[in-house]
């Protein structure tokens, strides 16, 4: 399951994806209100996303945040990995943080590992194949 932190990050990024490219930065208070995220928590999340290169921040009275890349160039999978870490449900199938399972006798024949690898692959395919632009277009189409 996604953590609340990931859901908050996705909501904030989806909101920013609806802003006009090249427009003024969006103040944190507005992002918090529209995305329904506690401001203090959002501050930490936006800092992580900025450090990962997804956001630009601007200081001052007219400051705020904007996407550093076009919405079609940022996938939901990328955002979740920044906030959560690997998408894999078990460490032995992670592509970015592999660790053998301590209680596994043989990875090559482990049925759990094989099933979790398929889950990881499909999860990654869907999340990495869905950009912020795709997700906001789906929201608009459903409305």
C-alpha atoms as a PDB file:
ATOM      1  CA  UNK A   1       0.000   0.000   0.000  1.00  0.00           C
ATOM      2  CA  UNK A   2       1.091   3.528  -0.641  1.00  0.00           C
ATOM      3  CA  UNK A   3       1.901   5.521   2.439  1.00  0.00           C
ATOM      4  CA  UNK A   4       0.081   8.734   3.221  1.00  0.00           C
ATOM      5  CA  UNK A   5       3.324  10.532   2.398  1.00  0.00           C
ATOM      6  CA  UNK A   6       3.260   9.138  -1.169  1.00  0.00           C
ATOM      7  CA  UNK A   7      -0.390  10.041  -1.630  1.00  0.00           C
ATOM      8  CA  UNK A   8       0.360  13.595  -0.464  1.00  0.00           C
ATOM      9  CA  UNK A   9       3.327  13.818  -2.853  1.00  0.00           C
ATOM     10  CA  UNK A  10       1.237  12.600  -5.767  1.00  0.00           C
ATOM     11  CA  UNK A  11      -1.598  15.023  -4.978  1.00  0.00           C
ATOM     12  CA  UNK A  12       0.808  17.970  -4.763  1.00  0.00           C
ATOM     13  CA  UNK A  13       2.568  17.021  -7.999  1.00  0.00           C
ATOM     14  CA  UNK A  14      -0.717  16.417  -9.823  1.00  0.00           C
ATOM     15  CA  UNK A  15      -1.907  19.855  -8.755  1.00  0.00           C
ATOM     16  CA  UNK A  16       1.332  21.479  -9.945  1.00  0.00           C
ATOM     17  CA  UNK A  17       0.967  19.600 -13.248  1.00  0.00           C
ATOM     18  CA  UNK A  18      -2.256  21.513 -13.917  1.00  0.00           C
ATOM     19  CA  UNK A  19      -0.487  24.870 -13.684  1.00  0.00           C
ATOM     20  CA  UNK A  20       0.424  26.750 -16.864  1.00  0.00           C
ATOM     21  CA  UNK A  21       4.025  26.142 -17.954  1.00  0.00           C
ATOM     22  CA  UNK A  22       6.106  29.238 -17.389  1.00  0.00           C
ATOM     23  CA  UNK A  23       3.491  30.667 -15.031  1.00  0.00           C
ATOM     24  CA  UNK A  24       4.238  32.088 -11.611  1.00  0.00           C
ATOM     25  CA  UNK A  25       5.392  29.717  -8.858  1.00  0.00           C
ATOM     26  CA  UNK A  26       2.602  28.299  -6.715  1.00  0.00           C
ATOM     27  CA  UNK A  27       2.845  29.195  -3.017  1.00  0.00           C
ATOM     28  CA  UNK A  28       3.129  26.278  -0.615  1.00  0.00           C
ATOM     29  CA  UNK A  29      -0.010  27.381   1.242  1.00  0.00           C
ATOM     30  CA  UNK A  30      -2.064  27.094  -1.952  1.00  0.00           C
ATOM     31  CA  UNK A  31      -0.618  23.656  -2.773  1.00  0.00           C
ATOM     32  CA  UNK A  32      -1.395  22.505   0.777  1.00  0.00           C
ATOM     33  CA  UNK A  33      -4.972  23.790   0.610  1.00  0.00           C
ATOM     34  CA  UNK A  34      -5.817  22.463  -2.852  1.00  0.00           C
ATOM     35  CA  UNK A  35      -4.064  19.101  -2.401  1.00  0.00           C
ATOM     36  CA  UNK A  36      -5.433  18.788   1.160  1.00  0.00           C
ATOM     37  CA  UNK A  37      -1.999  18.189   2.681  1.00  0.00           C
ATOM     38  CA  UNK A  38      -0.834  19.469   6.085  1.00  0.00           C
ATOM     39  CA  UNK A  39       1.575  22.348   5.415  1.00  0.00           C
ATOM     40  CA  UNK A  40       4.397  21.114   7.673  1.00  0.00           C
ATOM     41  CA  UNK A  41       4.287  17.662   6.105  1.00  0.00           C
ATOM     42  CA  UNK A  42       4.127  19.158   2.613  1.00  0.00           C
ATOM     43  CA  UNK A  43       7.219  21.223   3.303  1.00  0.00           C
ATOM     44  CA  UNK A  44       9.270  18.055   3.876  1.00  0.00           C
ATOM     45  CA  UNK A  45       7.782  16.291   0.855  1.00  0.00           C
ATOM     46  CA  UNK A  46       8.422  19.234  -1.481  1.00  0.00           C
ATOM     47  CA  UNK A  47      12.013  19.448  -0.248  1.00  0.00           C
ATOM     48  CA  UNK A  48      12.562  15.786  -1.189  1.00  0.00           C
ATOM     49  CA  UNK A  49      10.973  16.311  -4.605  1.00  0.00           C
ATOM     50  CA  UNK A  50      13.060  19.441  -5.174  1.00  0.00           C
ATOM     51  CA  UNK A  51      16.272  17.598  -4.231  1.00  0.00           C
ATOM     52  CA  UNK A  52      15.310  14.823  -6.663  1.00  0.00           C
ATOM     53  CA  UNK A  53      15.053  17.402  -9.453  1.00  0.00           C
ATOM     54  CA  UNK A  54      11.281  17.371  -9.981  1.00  0.00           C
ATOM     55  CA  UNK A  55      10.631  20.875  -8.654  1.00  0.00           C
ATOM     56  CA  UNK A  56      12.104  24.352  -8.744  1.00  0.00           C
ATOM     57  CA  UNK A  57      11.552  26.494  -5.687  1.00  0.00           C
ATOM     58  CA  UNK A  58      11.490  30.277  -5.636  1.00  0.00           C
ATOM     59  CA  UNK A  59      11.980  32.336  -2.485  1.00  0.00           C
ATOM     60  CA  UNK A  60      10.380  35.587  -1.511  1.00  0.00           C
ATOM     61  CA  UNK A  61       6.955  37.167  -1.510  1.00  0.00           C
ATOM     62  CA  UNK A  62       6.106  35.838  -4.985  1.00  0.00           C
ATOM     63  CA  UNK A  63       7.847  32.530  -4.292  1.00  0.00           C
ATOM     64  CA  UNK A  64       6.601  29.011  -4.456  1.00  0.00           C
ATOM     65  CA  UNK A  65       7.057  25.860  -6.479  1.00  0.00           C
ATOM     66  CA  UNK A  66       6.807  24.773 -10.099  1.00  0.00           C
ATOM     67  CA  UNK A  67       7.654  21.607 -11.976  1.00  0.00           C
ATOM     68  CA  UNK A  68      11.206  21.466 -13.294  1.00  0.00           C
ATOM     69  CA  UNK A  69      10.157  19.302 -16.264  1.00  0.00           C
ATOM     70  CA  UNK A  70       7.000  19.165 -18.350  1.00  0.00           C
ATOM     71  CA  UNK A  71       4.260  16.995 -16.783  1.00  0.00           C
ATOM     72  CA  UNK A  72       4.572  14.394 -19.545  1.00  0.00           C
ATOM     73  CA  UNK A  73       8.223  13.855 -18.526  1.00  0.00           C
ATOM     74  CA  UNK A  74       7.528  12.938 -14.872  1.00  0.00           C
ATOM     75  CA  UNK A  75       6.055   9.526 -14.109  1.00  0.00           C
ATOM     76  CA  UNK A  76       4.111   8.464 -11.053  1.00  0.00           C
ATOM     77  CA  UNK A  77       6.688   5.704 -10.551  1.00  0.00           C
ATOM     78  CA  UNK A  78       9.526   8.226 -10.306  1.00  0.00           C
ATOM     79  CA  UNK A  79       7.670  10.220  -7.662  1.00  0.00           C
ATOM     80  CA  UNK A  80       6.828   7.151  -5.597  1.00  0.00           C
ATOM     81  CA  UNK A  81      10.436   5.923  -5.715  1.00  0.00           C
ATOM     82  CA  UNK A  82      11.671   9.275  -4.383  1.00  0.00           C
ATOM     83  CA  UNK A  83       9.209   9.168  -1.496  1.00  0.00           C
ATOM     84  CA  UNK A  84       9.035   5.416  -0.763  1.00  0.00           C
ATOM     85  CA  UNK A  85      12.120   3.861  -2.270  1.00  0.00           C
ATOM     86  CA  UNK A  86      11.903   0.752  -4.465  1.00  0.00           C
ATOM     87  CA  UNK A  87       8.559  -0.431  -5.835  1.00  0.00           C
ATOM     88  CA  UNK A  88       9.363  -4.086  -5.086  1.00  0.00           C
ATOM     89  CA  UNK A  89       7.409  -5.672  -2.231  1.00  0.00           C
ATOM     90  CA  UNK A  90      10.335  -7.887  -1.213  1.00  0.00           C
ATOM     91  CA  UNK A  91      14.018  -6.917  -1.287  1.00  0.00           C
ATOM     92  CA  UNK A  92      15.177  -9.909  -3.369  1.00  0.00           C
ATOM     93  CA  UNK A  93      13.378  -8.606  -6.484  1.00  0.00           C
ATOM     94  CA  UNK A  94      14.289  -4.934  -6.144  1.00  0.00           C
ATOM     95  CA  UNK A  95      16.212  -3.519  -9.085  1.00  0.00           C
ATOM     96  CA  UNK A  96      17.570  -0.591  -7.077  1.00  0.00           C
ATOM     97  CA  UNK A  97      17.936  -1.980  -3.535  1.00  0.00           C
ATOM     98  CA  UNK A  98      18.468  -5.735  -3.930  1.00  0.00           C
ATOM     99  CA  UNK A  99      19.048  -7.744  -0.763  1.00  0.00           C
ATOM    100  CA  UNK A 100      18.669 -11.497  -0.436  1.00  0.00           C
ATOM    101  CA  UNK A 101      15.892 -12.613   1.878  1.00  0.00           C
ATOM    102  CA  UNK A 102      17.343 -13.992   5.097  1.00  0.00           C
ATOM    103  CA  UNK A 103      14.887 -16.877   5.278  1.00  0.00           C
ATOM    104  CA  UNK A 104      15.023 -18.001   1.631  1.00  0.00           C
ATOM    105  CA  UNK A 105      16.761 -21.315   0.908  1.00  0.00           C
ATOM    106  CA  UNK A 106      17.105 -20.879  -2.877  1.00  0.00           C
ATOM    107  CA  UNK A 107      16.205 -17.710  -4.818  1.00  0.00           C
ATOM    108  CA  UNK A 108      16.234 -19.567  -8.127  1.00  0.00           C
ATOM    109  CA  UNK A 109      13.359 -21.841  -7.104  1.00  0.00           C
ATOM    110  CA  UNK A 110      11.505 -19.533  -4.697  1.00  0.00           C
ATOM    111  CA  UNK A 111       7.870 -19.280  -5.816  1.00  0.00           C
ATOM    112  CA  UNK A 112       7.308 -16.150  -3.717  1.00  0.00           C
ATOM    113  CA  UNK A 113      10.237 -14.399  -5.404  1.00  0.00           C
ATOM    114  CA  UNK A 114       8.966 -15.291  -8.878  1.00  0.00           C
ATOM    115  CA  UNK A 115       5.464 -14.027  -8.095  1.00  0.00           C
ATOM    116  CA  UNK A 116       6.775 -10.816  -6.513  1.00  0.00           C
ATOM    117  CA  UNK A 117       9.007 -10.195  -9.540  1.00  0.00           C
ATOM    118  CA  UNK A 118       5.908 -10.272 -11.769  1.00  0.00           C
ATOM    119  CA  UNK A 119       4.100  -7.923  -9.373  1.00  0.00           C
ATOM    120  CA  UNK A 120       7.086  -5.549  -9.408  1.00  0.00           C
ATOM    121  CA  UNK A 121       7.310  -5.641 -13.205  1.00  0.00           C
ATOM    122  CA  UNK A 122       3.610  -4.902 -13.735  1.00  0.00           C
ATOM    123  CA  UNK A 123       3.527  -2.232 -11.034  1.00  0.00           C
ATOM    124  CA  UNK A 124       6.574  -0.537 -12.553  1.00  0.00           C
ATOM    125  CA  UNK A 125       5.123  -0.827 -16.075  1.00  0.00           C
ATOM    126  CA  UNK A 126       1.915   0.922 -15.045  1.00  0.00           C
ATOM    127  CA  UNK A 127       3.407   3.579 -12.750  1.00  0.00           C
ATOM    128  CA  UNK A 128       6.385   4.354 -14.994  1.00  0.00           C
ATOM    129  CA  UNK A 129       4.072   4.444 -17.999  1.00  0.00           C
ATOM    130  CA  UNK A 130       1.726   6.980 -16.393  1.00  0.00           C
ATOM    131  CA  UNK A 131       2.959  10.561 -16.436  1.00  0.00           C
ATOM    132  CA  UNK A 132       1.550  13.475 -14.496  1.00  0.00           C
ATOM    133  CA  UNK A 133       0.076  14.677 -17.789  1.00  0.00           C
ATOM    134  CA  UNK A 134      -1.602  11.290 -18.350  1.00  0.00           C
ATOM    135  CA  UNK A 135      -3.020  11.264 -14.837  1.00  0.00           C
ATOM    136  CA  UNK A 136      -4.371  14.816 -15.016  1.00  0.00           C
ATOM    137  CA  UNK A 137      -5.891  14.137 -18.445  1.00  0.00           C
ATOM    138  CA  UNK A 138      -7.623  11.055 -17.004  1.00  0.00           C
ATOM    139  CA  UNK A 139      -8.943  13.178 -14.121  1.00  0.00           C
ATOM    140  CA  UNK A 140     -10.309  15.739 -16.575  1.00  0.00           C
ATOM    141  CA  UNK A 141     -11.874  13.044 -18.752  1.00  0.00           C
ATOM    142  CA  UNK A 142     -13.585  11.478 -15.719  1.00  0.00           C
ATOM    143  CA  UNK A 143     -14.985  14.825 -14.540  1.00  0.00           C
END
